[in-house]
Amino acid sequence: MTDRLRDKVAIVTGGAAGIGQATAQLFAEEGAKVVVADINESAGAETVGEIESRGGRAIFIPTEISKETKSIVSVAKQSKLLVVWTFWSITRRLSF
């Protein structure tokens, strides 16, 4: 683990699996405090556990990004975030 991102916060949507999970783990390895935001609670908790087992700091927040984009943007504007990394896909048809 390095300290390049020490004392920074990163929100990673879609952070429970795939590229989002790898990104959350990398940010944690670089010293960031990571918020894993995903709809999949069990996979999100597992990602947080993996980060913590390697000495990182992370929390999981259940998030359905298709409904909560404004909330994430609001948090980003009001805090000292390093990054909001958004990686998600829609697996069902949304009605607008």
C-alpha atoms as a PDB file:
ATOM      1  CA  MET A   1       0.000   0.000   0.000  1.00  0.00           C
ATOM      2  CA  THR A   2       1.234   3.468  -0.843  1.00  0.00           C
ATOM      3  CA  ASP A   3       0.146   6.830   0.479  1.00  0.00           C
ATOM      4  CA  ARG A   4      -0.458   8.685  -2.782  1.00  0.00           C
ATOM      5  CA  LEU A   5      -4.163   9.005  -1.957  1.00  0.00           C
ATOM      6  CA  ARG A   6      -3.877   9.131   1.828  1.00  0.00           C
ATOM      7  CA  ASP A   7      -6.694  11.098   3.490  1.00  0.00           C
ATOM      8  CA  LYS A   8      -8.631  11.258   0.223  1.00  0.00           C
ATOM      9  CA  VAL A   9     -12.095   9.794  -0.263  1.00  0.00           C
ATOM     10  CA  ALA A  10     -13.257   7.974  -3.376  1.00  0.00           C
ATOM     11  CA  ILE A  11     -16.842   6.957  -4.124  1.00  0.00           C
ATOM     12  CA  VAL A  12     -16.894   4.024  -6.529  1.00  0.00           C
ATOM     13  CA  THR A  13     -20.322   3.234  -7.935  1.00  0.00           C
ATOM     14  CA  GLY A  14     -20.561  -0.262  -9.303  1.00  0.00           C
ATOM     15  CA  GLY A  15     -17.782  -1.073  -6.835  1.00  0.00           C
ATOM     16  CA  ALA A  16     -19.003  -4.552  -5.899  1.00  0.00           C
ATOM     17  CA  ALA A  17     -17.765  -6.403  -8.976  1.00  0.00           C
ATOM     18  CA  GLY A  18     -15.697  -6.247 -12.127  1.00  0.00           C
ATOM     19  CA  ILE A  19     -13.914  -3.050 -13.103  1.00  0.00           C
ATOM     20  CA  GLY A  20     -15.602  -1.100 -10.300  1.00  0.00           C
ATOM     21  CA  GLN A  21     -14.366  -3.591  -7.705  1.00  0.00           C
ATOM     22  CA  ALA A  22     -10.825  -3.522  -9.107  1.00  0.00           C
ATOM     23  CA  THR A  23     -10.924   0.289  -9.032  1.00  0.00           C
ATOM     24  CA  ALA A  24     -12.116   0.338  -5.401  1.00  0.00           C
ATOM     25  CA  GLN A  25      -9.319  -2.046  -4.439  1.00  0.00           C
ATOM     26  CA  LEU A  26      -6.686  -0.002  -6.291  1.00  0.00           C
ATOM     27  CA  PHE A  27      -7.803   3.276  -4.700  1.00  0.00           C
ATOM     28  CA  ALA A  28      -7.655   1.595  -1.266  1.00  0.00           C
ATOM     29  CA  GLU A  29      -4.179   0.226  -1.988  1.00  0.00           C
ATOM     30  CA  GLU A  30      -3.111   3.780  -2.770  1.00  0.00           C
ATOM     31  CA  GLY A  31      -4.417   4.930   0.635  1.00  0.00           C
ATOM     32  CA  ALA A  32      -7.869   6.335  -0.184  1.00  0.00           C
ATOM     33  CA  LYS A  33     -10.872   5.801   2.043  1.00  0.00           C
ATOM     34  CA  VAL A  34     -13.297   4.082  -0.303  1.00  0.00           C
ATOM     35  CA  VAL A  35     -17.074   4.180  -0.463  1.00  0.00           C
ATOM     36  CA  VAL A  36     -18.257   1.099  -2.353  1.00  0.00           C
ATOM     37  CA  ALA A  37     -21.681   2.007  -3.751  1.00  0.00           C
ATOM     38  CA  ASP A  38     -23.618  -0.769  -5.472  1.00  0.00           C
ATOM     39  CA  ILE A  39     -27.021  -2.416  -5.643  1.00  0.00           C
ATOM     40  CA  ASN A  40     -25.521  -5.833  -4.797  1.00  0.00           C
ATOM     41  CA  GLU A  41     -25.224  -5.817  -1.005  1.00  0.00           C
ATOM     42  CA  SER A  42     -23.525  -9.184  -0.536  1.00  0.00           C
ATOM     43  CA  ALA A  43     -20.874  -8.511  -3.197  1.00  0.00           C
ATOM     44  CA  GLY A  44     -20.375  -4.980  -1.856  1.00  0.00           C
ATOM     45  CA  ALA A  45     -19.808  -6.283   1.666  1.00  0.00           C
ATOM     46  CA  GLU A  46     -17.369  -8.832   0.270  1.00  0.00           C
ATOM     47  CA  THR A  47     -15.419  -6.102  -1.555  1.00  0.00           C
ATOM     48  CA  VAL A  48     -15.215  -4.050   1.649  1.00  0.00           C
ATOM     49  CA  GLY A  49     -14.007  -7.140   3.523  1.00  0.00           C
ATOM     50  CA  GLU A  50     -11.282  -7.741   0.963  1.00  0.00           C
ATOM     51  CA  ILE A  51     -10.133  -4.115   1.158  1.00  0.00           C
ATOM     52  CA  GLU A  52     -10.072  -4.170   4.955  1.00  0.00           C
ATOM     53  CA  SER A  53      -8.222  -7.500   5.053  1.00  0.00           C
ATOM     54  CA  ARG A  54      -5.414  -5.808   3.102  1.00  0.00           C
ATOM     55  CA  GLY A  55      -5.235  -2.907   5.547  1.00  0.00           C
ATOM     56  CA  GLY A  56      -7.459  -0.489   3.619  1.00  0.00           C
ATOM     57  CA  ARG A  57     -10.470   1.496   4.785  1.00  0.00           C
ATOM     58  CA  ALA A  58     -13.837   1.097   3.095  1.00  0.00           C
ATOM     59  CA  ILE A  59     -17.564   1.165   3.693  1.00  0.00           C
ATOM     60  CA  PHE A  60     -20.460  -0.139   1.648  1.00  0.00           C
ATOM     61  CA  ILE A  61     -23.548   1.918   0.819  1.00  0.00           C
ATOM     62  CA  PRO A  62     -26.401   0.182  -0.999  1.00  0.00           C
ATOM     63  CA  THR A  63     -27.071   2.318  -4.047  1.00  0.00           C
ATOM     64  CA  GLU A  64     -29.265   2.067  -7.112  1.00  0.00           C
ATOM     65  CA  ILE A  65     -27.384   4.527  -9.286  1.00  0.00           C
ATOM     66  CA  SER A  66     -30.243   4.983 -11.742  1.00  0.00           C
ATOM     67  CA  LYS A  67     -32.177   6.658  -8.903  1.00  0.00           C
ATOM     68  CA  GLU A  68     -29.406   8.276  -6.855  1.00  0.00           C
ATOM     69  CA  THR A  69     -27.139  10.157  -9.239  1.00  0.00           C
ATOM     70  CA  LYS A  70     -28.178  13.537  -7.832  1.00  0.00           C
ATOM     71  CA  SER A  71     -27.337  12.409  -4.283  1.00  0.00           C
ATOM     72  CA  ILE A  72     -23.851  11.308  -5.307  1.00  0.00           C
ATOM     73  CA  VAL A  73     -23.203  14.571  -7.151  1.00  0.00           C
ATOM     74  CA  SER A  74     -24.392  16.515  -4.101  1.00  0.00           C
ATOM     75  CA  VAL A  75     -22.031  14.608  -1.800  1.00  0.00           C
ATOM     76  CA  ALA A  76     -19.160  15.187  -4.217  1.00  0.00           C
ATOM     77  CA  LYS A  77     -19.784  18.935  -4.291  1.00  0.00           C
ATOM     78  CA  GLN A  78     -19.986  19.247  -0.498  1.00  0.00           C
ATOM     79  CA  SER A  79     -16.948  17.176   0.448  1.00  0.00           C
ATOM     80  CA  LYS A  80     -13.262  16.870  -0.193  1.00  0.00           C
ATOM     81  CA  LEU A  81     -13.582  13.946  -2.529  1.00  0.00           C
ATOM     82  CA  LEU A  82     -10.721  12.941  -4.704  1.00  0.00           C
ATOM     83  CA  VAL A  83     -12.922  11.237  -7.242  1.00  0.00           C
ATOM     84  CA  VAL A  84     -16.329   9.837  -7.983  1.00  0.00           C
ATOM     85  CA  TRP A  85     -15.754   6.806 -10.167  1.00  0.00           C
ATOM     86  CA  THR A  86     -18.949   5.693 -11.852  1.00  0.00           C
ATOM     87  CA  PHE A  87     -19.020   2.290 -13.433  1.00  0.00           C
ATOM     88  CA  TRP A  88     -22.436   0.751 -13.772  1.00  0.00           C
ATOM     89  CA  SER A  89     -24.762  -0.786 -16.258  1.00  0.00           C
ATOM     90  CA  ILE A  90     -28.493  -1.022 -16.557  1.00  0.00           C
ATOM     91  CA  THR A  91     -29.565  -4.630 -16.560  1.00  0.00           C
ATOM     92  CA  ARG A  92     -33.242  -3.936 -17.035  1.00  0.00           C
ATOM     93  CA  ARG A  93     -35.245  -1.520 -19.124  1.00  0.00           C
ATOM     94  CA  LEU A  94     -36.007   1.764 -17.415  1.00  0.00           C
ATOM     95  CA  SER A  95     -39.174   3.684 -18.127  1.00  0.00           C
ATOM     96  CA  PHE A  96     -38.849   7.446 -18.351  1.00  0.00           C
END
